[in-house]
Amino acid sequence: MTVSYALSVSSARYSAFLRLLRKWKGSVVKAVWAELLVWICLYALIALIIFWVIPIENRTALRKEADRLDNLLGILDIKFMLGFFVTIVVDRWKTILQNISFIETVALSVSTIIRGTDDNSRLARRSIIRYLVLSQAMVYRDISMRVRRRFPTMKSLMEAGFIFENELHELEQTETGYNKYWVPINWCNSIVWRMQEQKYIEAPVSTNNVLNWYRCIPLIPATSFFLYLGWMKVAEALLNPFGEDDDDFEGNWVIDKNIKTGMQIVDESHAECPILNIDQFSDPKFGPMYPSILIDHPHVLQGSAADVVIPESEKSKMVHVDSKTSVTSGASDTKERRESIIRRRFRRLSSRLQLGRSDSHPKVQSVKSPGGESTHSAFGNLQFVTEENEDPRPEMRIDMEEKPKK
């Protein structure tokens, strides 16, 4: 961007916002001053007509009509519409910003995988970078007015050194009814394939790696008008981030930076490495270095619970939990709970059996429950069995055998 104000708001101060208002280039004031001036003039004209032209007896009716129109205007939720519009535009702007391609990643990958200092390897690396930046320049010519003014024709790209005459002729000979942004990238793929055939790229996986990277002034009303209009102007400025506004993206700078940096990485700085030395951090006594003014303010990053000490009364014993059971239920399934479950089930069953006995009056037999309680049953032989299985809850079943007749 051509406007940088990060330094003005680098610290949270009361005057940080005022510093931004003093900036003219790329400011909201610059975007809305003309509309605001027209609005103030129209407001003053209407006020003069009301106070100097319209009779006093008609002003009351005019005020009532103005109030009625003002109430009707409240039905239109301008804040909601502006917020919806600005949100969509800002999300689109952020997506475009994230998709601006810089050459460092692919250039470092090409320089690492295509090794060699001979003329063939150097020419291959430089051609790959040049073709990638050429494809980027072709795209920016169609979406950015600044780049379009710099490169109005494909011949201007040839004069700038991004493409040679034979390459331009081959590009023009490519028959397609659509854009040709992909042609230079296809040339890069062909170069990578030839370099692999000539054993400049030893591992096939490296080839895949290279290919994957290609990608009476009314103060309050005037303030409201200024804010709403400025809100809309911000969205309009972000609507086309490759335009010619003060805060639009610098496509020309991206192209120049990519071609210069890419060539530096793959050619001039290729295979360069300084003499390796033992660093000072290998000494355990060598600590982090701070300026003397900041030595008492390290601002250590730690969690909010890092200094909390759990008292001994709140500590609990660590127990093993069966992986097949729930963590929440595994800690509470103790022997006492199992016995209480058995007793509850036994009581429910006993109550049902007693209801059946009151109706049919069968011969009953006293049976002792696992919990030590004695109850009566309508069956001759009841055995309550508990089995330990994978389920922590005890399983209870009743084996009923018919009592032999005497």
Protein backbone atom coordinates (compact mmCIF):
# COMPACT_ATOMS: atom_id res chain seq x y z
CA MET A 1 0.00 0.00 0.00
CA THR A 2 1.06 3.60 -0.55
CA VAL A 3 -0.36 4.71 2.82
CA SER A 4 1.25 3.42 6.01
CA TYR A 5 -0.07 4.52 9.38
CA ALA A 6 0.99 1.58 11.55
CA LEU A 7 3.64 3.68 13.31
CA SER A 8 1.06 6.30 14.32
CA VAL A 9 -1.04 3.69 16.13
CA SER A 10 1.81 1.47 17.30
CA SER A 11 1.01 2.26 20.94
CA ALA A 12 -2.29 2.73 22.76
CA ARG A 13 -2.31 6.46 23.47
CA TYR A 14 -5.13 8.97 23.78
CA SER A 15 -3.81 10.93 20.81
CA ALA A 16 -3.32 7.97 18.46
CA PHE A 17 -6.69 8.46 16.78
CA LEU A 18 -6.05 12.19 16.38
CA ARG A 19 -2.79 11.44 14.56
CA LEU A 20 -4.76 9.46 12.00
CA LEU A 21 -7.20 12.32 11.48
CA ARG A 22 -4.30 14.65 10.66
CA LYS A 23 -3.26 12.47 7.71
CA TRP A 24 -4.72 13.61 4.41
CA LYS A 25 -3.51 11.00 1.96
CA GLY A 26 -5.69 7.91 2.15
CA SER A 27 -7.93 9.46 4.81
CA VAL A 28 -11.71 9.37 5.12
CA VAL A 29 -11.80 13.18 5.11
CA LYS A 30 -10.22 13.25 1.66
CA ALA A 31 -12.82 10.76 0.43
CA VAL A 32 -15.93 12.55 1.73
CA TRP A 33 -15.06 16.26 1.85
CA ALA A 34 -16.74 17.08 -1.47
CA GLU A 35 -20.02 15.32 -0.61
CA LEU A 36 -19.97 16.83 2.88
CA LEU A 37 -19.51 20.34 1.44
CA VAL A 38 -22.44 19.84 -0.96
CA TRP A 39 -24.61 18.57 1.91
CA ILE A 40 -23.79 21.60 4.09
CA CYS A 41 -24.57 23.99 1.23
CA LEU A 42 -27.93 22.31 0.58
CA TYR A 43 -28.71 22.37 4.30
CA ALA A 44 -27.93 26.08 4.47
CA LEU A 45 -30.04 26.76 1.38
CA ILE A 46 -33.06 24.93 2.83
CA ALA A 47 -32.62 26.75 6.15
CA LEU A 48 -32.60 30.12 4.37
CA ILE A 49 -35.74 29.24 2.44
CA ILE A 50 -37.53 28.20 5.64
CA PHE A 51 -36.60 31.29 7.64
CA TRP A 52 -36.79 33.92 4.89
CA VAL A 53 -39.30 32.70 2.31
CA ILE A 54 -41.92 30.56 4.05
CA PRO A 55 -44.36 32.53 6.24
CA ILE A 56 -44.33 31.97 9.98
CA GLU A 57 -47.87 30.51 10.04
CA ASN A 58 -46.83 27.75 7.61
CA ARG A 59 -43.69 26.73 9.46
CA THR A 60 -45.60 24.65 12.02
CA ALA A 61 -47.17 22.52 9.31
CA LEU A 62 -43.80 22.23 7.60
CA ARG A 63 -42.18 21.09 10.84
CA LYS A 64 -44.87 18.44 11.36
CA GLU A 65 -44.34 17.17 7.84
CA ALA A 66 -40.58 17.09 8.42
CA ASP A 67 -41.08 15.09 11.62
CA ARG A 68 -43.34 12.64 9.80
CA LEU A 69 -40.77 12.12 7.06
CA ASP A 70 -38.06 11.71 9.68
CA ASN A 71 -40.07 8.94 11.36
CA LEU A 72 -40.57 7.23 8.02
CA LEU A 73 -36.84 7.49 7.40
CA GLY A 74 -36.25 5.50 10.58
CA ILE A 75 -37.92 2.51 8.94
CA LEU A 76 -34.96 2.24 6.58
CA ASP A 77 -32.21 0.69 8.66
CA ILE A 78 -29.26 2.41 7.03
CA LYS A 79 -26.82 1.14 9.66
CA PHE A 80 -27.75 -2.45 8.90
CA MET A 81 -27.41 -2.00 5.14
CA LEU A 82 -24.06 -0.23 5.46
CA GLY A 83 -22.78 -2.81 7.93
CA PHE A 84 -23.79 -5.67 5.63
CA PHE A 85 -22.20 -3.98 2.62
CA VAL A 86 -18.95 -3.11 4.40
CA THR A 87 -18.64 -6.60 5.94
CA ILE A 88 -18.87 -8.29 2.54
CA VAL A 89 -16.41 -5.85 0.97
CA VAL A 90 -13.88 -6.17 3.81
CA ASP A 91 -14.02 -9.98 3.66
CA ARG A 92 -13.43 -9.82 -0.08
CA TRP A 93 -10.54 -7.40 0.44
CA LYS A 94 -8.90 -9.71 3.00
CA THR A 95 -9.25 -12.67 0.63
CA ILE A 96 -7.55 -10.74 -2.17
CA LEU A 97 -4.77 -9.65 0.18
CA GLN A 98 -4.13 -13.24 1.27
CA ASN A 99 -3.89 -14.37 -2.36
CA ILE A 100 -1.23 -11.86 -3.43
CA SER A 101 1.69 -14.06 -4.45
CA PHE A 102 5.25 -13.37 -3.38
CA ILE A 103 8.16 -15.15 -4.98
CA GLU A 104 10.33 -16.07 -1.99
CA THR A 105 8.80 -19.48 -1.25
CA VAL A 106 8.91 -20.85 -4.78
CA ALA A 107 12.31 -19.25 -5.45
CA LEU A 108 13.85 -20.87 -2.37
CA SER A 109 12.33 -24.20 -3.37
CA VAL A 110 13.68 -23.95 -6.92
CA SER A 111 17.11 -22.89 -5.69
CA THR A 112 17.24 -25.81 -3.25
CA ILE A 113 16.08 -28.56 -5.61
CA ILE A 114 17.66 -27.56 -8.93
CA ARG A 115 21.31 -27.57 -7.92
CA GLY A 116 24.33 -26.57 -9.96
CA THR A 117 26.29 -23.51 -11.00
CA ASP A 118 26.70 -24.32 -14.69
CA ASP A 119 24.98 -22.30 -17.39
CA ASN A 120 22.15 -24.79 -17.95
CA SER A 121 21.03 -24.93 -14.31
CA ARG A 122 21.36 -21.16 -13.88
CA LEU A 123 19.36 -20.52 -17.04
CA ALA A 124 16.66 -22.97 -15.93
CA ARG A 125 16.28 -21.38 -12.50
CA ARG A 126 16.18 -17.84 -13.87
CA SER A 127 13.70 -18.78 -16.60
CA ILE A 128 11.33 -20.38 -14.07
CA ILE A 129 11.30 -17.21 -11.96
CA ARG A 130 10.88 -14.99 -15.02
CA TYR A 131 7.97 -17.04 -16.33
CA LEU A 132 6.22 -16.97 -12.96
CA VAL A 133 6.53 -13.19 -12.67
CA LEU A 134 5.41 -12.89 -16.31
CA SER A 135 2.23 -14.81 -15.50
CA GLN A 136 1.66 -12.57 -12.49
CA ALA A 137 2.14 -9.44 -14.60
CA MET A 138 -0.34 -10.74 -17.18
CA VAL A 139 -2.94 -11.23 -14.45
CA TYR A 140 -2.33 -7.83 -12.87
CA ARG A 141 -2.67 -6.13 -16.26
CA ASP A 142 -6.32 -7.21 -16.31
CA ILE A 143 -7.23 -6.30 -12.72
CA SER A 144 -5.03 -3.32 -11.76
CA MET A 145 -5.17 0.05 -13.52
CA ARG A 146 -1.70 0.98 -12.30
CA VAL A 147 -0.16 -2.12 -13.86
CA ARG A 148 -2.28 -1.60 -16.98
CA ARG A 149 -0.89 1.90 -17.39
CA ARG A 150 2.65 0.58 -16.94
CA PHE A 151 2.19 -2.37 -19.35
CA PRO A 152 -0.54 -1.31 -21.80
CA THR A 153 0.43 -4.02 -24.32
CA MET A 154 2.25 -7.32 -24.34
CA LYS A 155 5.04 -5.64 -26.28
CA SER A 156 5.67 -3.41 -23.27
CA LEU A 157 6.28 -6.58 -21.23
CA MET A 158 8.87 -7.60 -23.83
CA GLU A 159 10.54 -4.20 -23.61
CA ALA A 160 10.63 -4.54 -19.80
CA GLY A 161 12.50 -7.87 -20.13
CA PHE A 162 9.83 -10.23 -18.84
CA ILE A 163 9.39 -12.03 -22.17
CA PHE A 164 11.47 -12.44 -25.33
CA GLU A 165 10.27 -11.97 -28.88
CA ASN A 166 10.17 -15.69 -29.71
CA GLU A 167 8.31 -16.40 -26.47
CA LEU A 168 5.80 -13.65 -27.24
CA HIS A 169 5.27 -15.11 -30.70
CA GLU A 170 4.67 -18.56 -29.22
CA LEU A 171 2.29 -17.07 -26.67
CA GLU A 172 0.32 -15.31 -29.39
CA GLN A 173 0.20 -18.51 -31.46
CA THR A 174 -1.53 -20.34 -28.61
CA GLU A 175 -5.10 -20.71 -29.84
CA THR A 176 -7.59 -20.27 -27.03
CA GLY A 177 -10.72 -18.27 -26.58
CA TYR A 178 -9.87 -17.52 -22.96
CA ASN A 179 -7.02 -15.94 -21.02
CA LYS A 180 -3.47 -17.23 -21.39
CA TYR A 181 -2.21 -16.79 -17.84
CA TRP A 182 -1.41 -20.50 -17.64
CA VAL A 183 0.99 -20.58 -20.61
CA PRO A 184 4.13 -19.30 -18.77
CA ILE A 185 3.41 -21.68 -15.89
CA ASN A 186 3.20 -24.53 -18.39
CA TRP A 187 6.63 -23.49 -19.65
CA CYS A 188 7.90 -23.76 -16.07
CA ASN A 189 6.57 -27.31 -15.86
CA SER A 190 8.36 -28.21 -19.08
CA ILE A 191 11.64 -26.81 -17.73
CA VAL A 192 11.30 -28.85 -14.54
CA TRP A 193 10.64 -32.01 -16.55
CA ARG A 194 13.68 -31.43 -18.75
CA MET A 195 15.87 -30.78 -15.72
CA GLN A 196 14.75 -34.07 -14.21
CA GLU A 197 15.52 -35.93 -17.43
CA GLN A 198 19.00 -34.39 -17.44
CA LYS A 199 19.53 -35.52 -13.81
CA TYR A 200 19.64 -32.00 -12.41
CA ILE A 201 16.78 -33.05 -10.11
CA GLU A 202 17.73 -36.35 -8.52
CA ALA A 203 14.60 -37.20 -6.48
CA PRO A 204 11.18 -37.41 -8.20
CA VAL A 205 9.59 -36.13 -5.00
CA SER A 206 11.49 -32.89 -5.48
CA THR A 207 9.84 -32.50 -8.88
CA ASN A 208 6.42 -32.70 -7.25
CA ASN A 209 7.56 -30.15 -4.70
CA VAL A 210 8.50 -27.62 -7.38
CA LEU A 211 5.26 -28.16 -9.31
CA ASN A 212 3.11 -27.74 -6.17
CA TRP A 213 4.58 -24.26 -5.37
CA TYR A 214 3.43 -22.66 -8.75
CA ARG A 215 0.36 -21.67 -7.65
CA CYS A 216 -25.05 27.60 11.71
CA ILE A 217 -23.56 24.52 10.95
CA PRO A 218 -25.62 21.47 12.00
CA LEU A 219 -22.90 19.70 13.96
CA ILE A 220 -24.70 16.46 14.88
CA PRO A 221 -26.37 15.86 11.47
CA ALA A 222 -23.16 16.81 9.69
CA THR A 223 -21.21 14.40 11.87
CA SER A 224 -23.71 11.62 11.16
CA PHE A 225 -23.54 12.37 7.45
CA PHE A 226 -19.75 12.37 7.58
CA LEU A 227 -19.61 9.04 9.41
CA TYR A 228 -22.17 7.27 7.22
CA LEU A 229 -20.68 8.59 4.01
CA GLY A 230 -17.16 7.83 5.22
CA TRP A 231 -18.29 4.31 6.10
CA MET A 232 -19.58 3.87 2.58
CA LYS A 233 -16.46 5.43 1.02
CA VAL A 234 -14.26 3.00 2.93
CA ALA A 235 -16.20 0.12 1.41
CA GLU A 236 -15.98 1.71 -2.05
CA ALA A 237 -12.22 2.09 -1.68
CA LEU A 238 -11.89 -1.55 -0.66
CA LEU A 239 -14.20 -2.75 -3.40
CA ASN A 240 -11.38 -2.65 -5.96
CA PRO A 241 -8.07 -3.00 -4.10
CA PHE A 242 -6.14 -2.96 -7.40
CA GLY A 243 -7.38 0.50 -8.41
CA GLU A 244 -5.61 3.85 -8.29
CA ASP A 245 -6.71 5.08 -4.88
CA ASP A 246 -4.20 6.07 -2.23
CA ASP A 247 -4.70 2.91 -0.19
CA ASP A 248 -4.91 0.37 -3.03
CA PHE A 249 -2.42 -2.44 -3.53
CA GLU A 250 0.80 -1.66 -5.36
CA GLY A 251 0.82 -4.24 -8.14
CA ASN A 252 3.86 -2.69 -9.83
CA TRP A 253 5.86 -2.91 -6.62
CA VAL A 254 4.94 -6.59 -6.23
CA ILE A 255 6.10 -7.36 -9.78
CA ASP A 256 9.39 -5.46 -9.38
CA LYS A 257 10.04 -7.00 -5.99
CA ASN A 258 9.31 -10.55 -7.19
CA ILE A 259 11.57 -10.39 -10.25
CA LYS A 260 14.45 -8.81 -8.32
CA THR A 261 14.19 -11.07 -5.27
CA GLY A 262 13.58 -14.22 -7.30
CA MET A 263 16.64 -13.69 -9.50
CA GLN A 264 18.75 -12.89 -6.45
CA ILE A 265 17.72 -16.15 -4.76
CA VAL A 266 18.13 -18.54 -7.70
CA ASP A 267 21.27 -17.05 -9.25
CA GLU A 268 23.42 -14.58 -7.33
CA SER A 269 22.79 -16.10 -3.90
CA HIS A 270 22.52 -19.70 -5.11
CA ALA A 271 24.66 -22.17 -3.11
CA GLU A 272 26.04 -19.38 -0.94
CA CYS A 273 26.53 -20.18 2.72
CA PRO A 274 28.72 -18.44 5.32
CA ILE A 275 31.30 -20.25 7.42
CA LEU A 276 29.54 -22.14 10.20
CA ASN A 277 30.45 -21.09 13.73
CA ILE A 278 29.39 -22.26 17.16
CA ASP A 279 26.64 -19.92 18.29
CA GLN A 280 26.55 -18.24 21.69
CA PHE A 281 23.29 -19.93 22.60
CA SER A 282 25.18 -23.20 23.12
CA ASP A 283 26.46 -21.71 26.38
CA PRO A 284 23.84 -22.36 29.11
CA LYS A 285 24.90 -19.18 30.89
CA PHE A 286 24.15 -17.03 27.85
CA GLY A 287 20.67 -15.63 28.43
CA PRO A 288 18.37 -13.47 26.34
CA MET A 289 19.62 -9.95 25.62
CA TYR A 290 17.44 -6.88 26.31
CA PRO A 291 18.13 -3.15 26.24
CA SER A 292 18.87 -1.82 29.71
CA ILE A 293 15.66 0.21 29.73
CA LEU A 294 13.55 -2.93 29.24
CA ILE A 295 15.43 -5.30 31.54
CA ASP A 296 12.79 -4.98 34.30
CA HIS A 297 9.84 -5.51 31.96
CA PRO A 298 10.21 -8.91 30.30
CA HIS A 299 6.42 -9.37 29.84
CA VAL A 300 6.56 -13.13 30.24
CA LEU A 301 3.80 -14.94 28.36
CA GLN A 302 2.14 -17.43 30.69
CA GLY A 303 -1.32 -18.74 31.38
CA SER A 304 -3.65 -17.23 33.96
CA ALA A 305 -3.56 -20.43 36.07
CA ALA A 306 0.21 -20.90 35.96
CA ASP A 307 0.78 -19.47 39.47
CA VAL A 308 -2.24 -21.10 41.12
CA VAL A 309 -1.33 -23.57 43.90
CA ILE A 310 -3.92 -26.26 44.63
CA PRO A 311 -4.32 -26.77 48.42
CA GLU A 312 -3.77 -30.22 49.85
CA SER A 313 -7.40 -30.47 50.96
CA GLU A 314 -8.60 -30.25 47.36
CA LYS A 315 -6.19 -32.78 45.93
CA SER A 316 -7.62 -36.21 45.12
CA LYS A 317 -6.12 -39.61 44.58
CA MET A 318 -5.22 -40.56 41.02
CA VAL A 319 -6.98 -43.75 39.90
CA HIS A 320 -6.90 -45.78 36.71
CA VAL A 321 -9.93 -45.48 34.45
CA ASP A 322 -11.01 -48.22 32.11
CA SER A 323 -10.69 -46.95 28.53
CA LYS A 324 -13.98 -48.60 27.60
CA THR A 325 -15.94 -46.66 30.19
CA SER A 326 -16.75 -43.00 30.53
CA VAL A 327 -14.29 -40.79 32.34
CA THR A 328 -17.02 -39.15 34.35
CA SER A 329 -18.57 -42.40 35.54
CA GLY A 330 -15.33 -44.32 36.07
CA ALA A 331 -14.31 -42.33 39.15
CA SER A 332 -17.66 -42.80 40.91
CA ASP A 333 -18.26 -46.51 40.29
CA THR A 334 -17.09 -47.82 43.65
CA LYS A 335 -18.05 -50.91 45.56
CA GLU A 336 -20.58 -49.01 47.71
CA ARG A 337 -22.38 -47.74 44.64
CA ARG A 338 -22.62 -51.23 43.18
CA GLU A 339 -24.17 -52.55 46.39
CA SER A 340 -26.67 -49.68 46.55
CA ILE A 341 -27.74 -50.37 42.96
CA ILE A 342 -28.32 -54.04 43.83
CA ARG A 343 -30.38 -53.13 46.88
CA ARG A 344 -32.56 -50.68 44.94
CA ARG A 345 -33.27 -53.21 42.23
CA PHE A 346 -34.00 -55.87 44.81
CA ARG A 347 -36.53 -53.63 46.60
CA ARG A 348 -38.35 -52.84 43.36
CA LEU A 349 -38.56 -56.52 42.49
CA SER A 350 -39.76 -57.41 46.00
CA SER A 351 -42.52 -54.81 45.85
CA ARG A 352 -43.75 -56.25 42.59
CA LEU A 353 -43.72 -59.77 44.01
CA GLN A 354 -45.67 -58.67 47.08
CA LEU A 355 -48.34 -57.14 44.86
CA GLY A 356 -48.64 -60.42 43.00
CA ARG A 357 -48.92 -62.33 46.29
CA SER A 358 -51.81 -60.20 47.48
CA ASP A 359 -53.79 -61.20 44.40
CA SER A 360 -53.09 -64.95 44.07
CA HIS A 361 -51.90 -65.83 47.65
CA PRO A 362 -49.27 -68.37 46.55
CA LYS A 363 -46.90 -70.10 48.88
CA VAL A 364 -44.10 -67.75 49.82
CA GLN A 365 -40.59 -68.35 50.96
CA SER A 366 -38.29 -65.99 52.80
CA VAL A 367 -35.23 -65.02 50.82
CA LYS A 368 -32.32 -62.97 52.05
CA SER A 369 -31.10 -60.23 49.75
CA PRO A 370 -27.43 -59.53 49.08
CA GLY A 371 -27.73 -56.40 51.24
CA GLY A 372 -28.74 -58.41 54.29
CA GLU A 373 -32.46 -57.59 54.13
CA SER A 374 -35.09 -60.34 54.36
CA THR A 375 -38.14 -60.33 52.16
CA HIS A 376 -40.77 -62.75 50.88
CA SER A 377 -41.08 -64.11 47.38
CA ALA A 378 -43.85 -65.89 45.55
CA PHE A 379 -41.42 -68.31 43.97
CA GLY A 380 -39.99 -71.42 45.41
CA ASN A 381 -36.34 -70.79 44.67
CA LEU A 382 -34.83 -67.40 43.90
CA GLN A 383 -31.14 -66.83 43.45
CA PHE A 384 -29.75 -63.34 42.92
CA VAL A 385 -26.50 -63.39 41.01
CA THR A 386 -24.13 -60.52 40.31
CA GLU A 387 -21.44 -60.82 37.71
CA GLU A 388 -18.40 -58.67 37.14
CA ASN A 389 -18.13 -57.78 33.47
CA GLU A 390 -16.76 -54.95 31.40
CA ASP A 391 -19.70 -52.76 32.32
CA PRO A 392 -19.00 -51.20 35.74
CA ARG A 393 -22.70 -51.39 36.61
CA PRO A 394 -23.56 -54.81 38.14
CA GLU A 395 -25.81 -57.06 36.18
CA MET A 396 -28.52 -58.78 38.20
CA ARG A 397 -30.45 -61.74 36.94
CA ILE A 398 -32.91 -64.09 38.59
CA ASP A 399 -32.64 -67.85 38.19
CA MET A 400 -36.14 -69.21 38.74
CA GLU A 401 -36.51 -72.94 39.23
CA GLU A 402 -39.84 -74.56 39.82
CA LYS A 403 -40.03 -76.09 43.26
CA PRO A 404 -40.70 -79.86 43.06
CA LYS A 405 -44.09 -80.87 44.26
CA LYS A 406 -44.28 -82.97 47.35
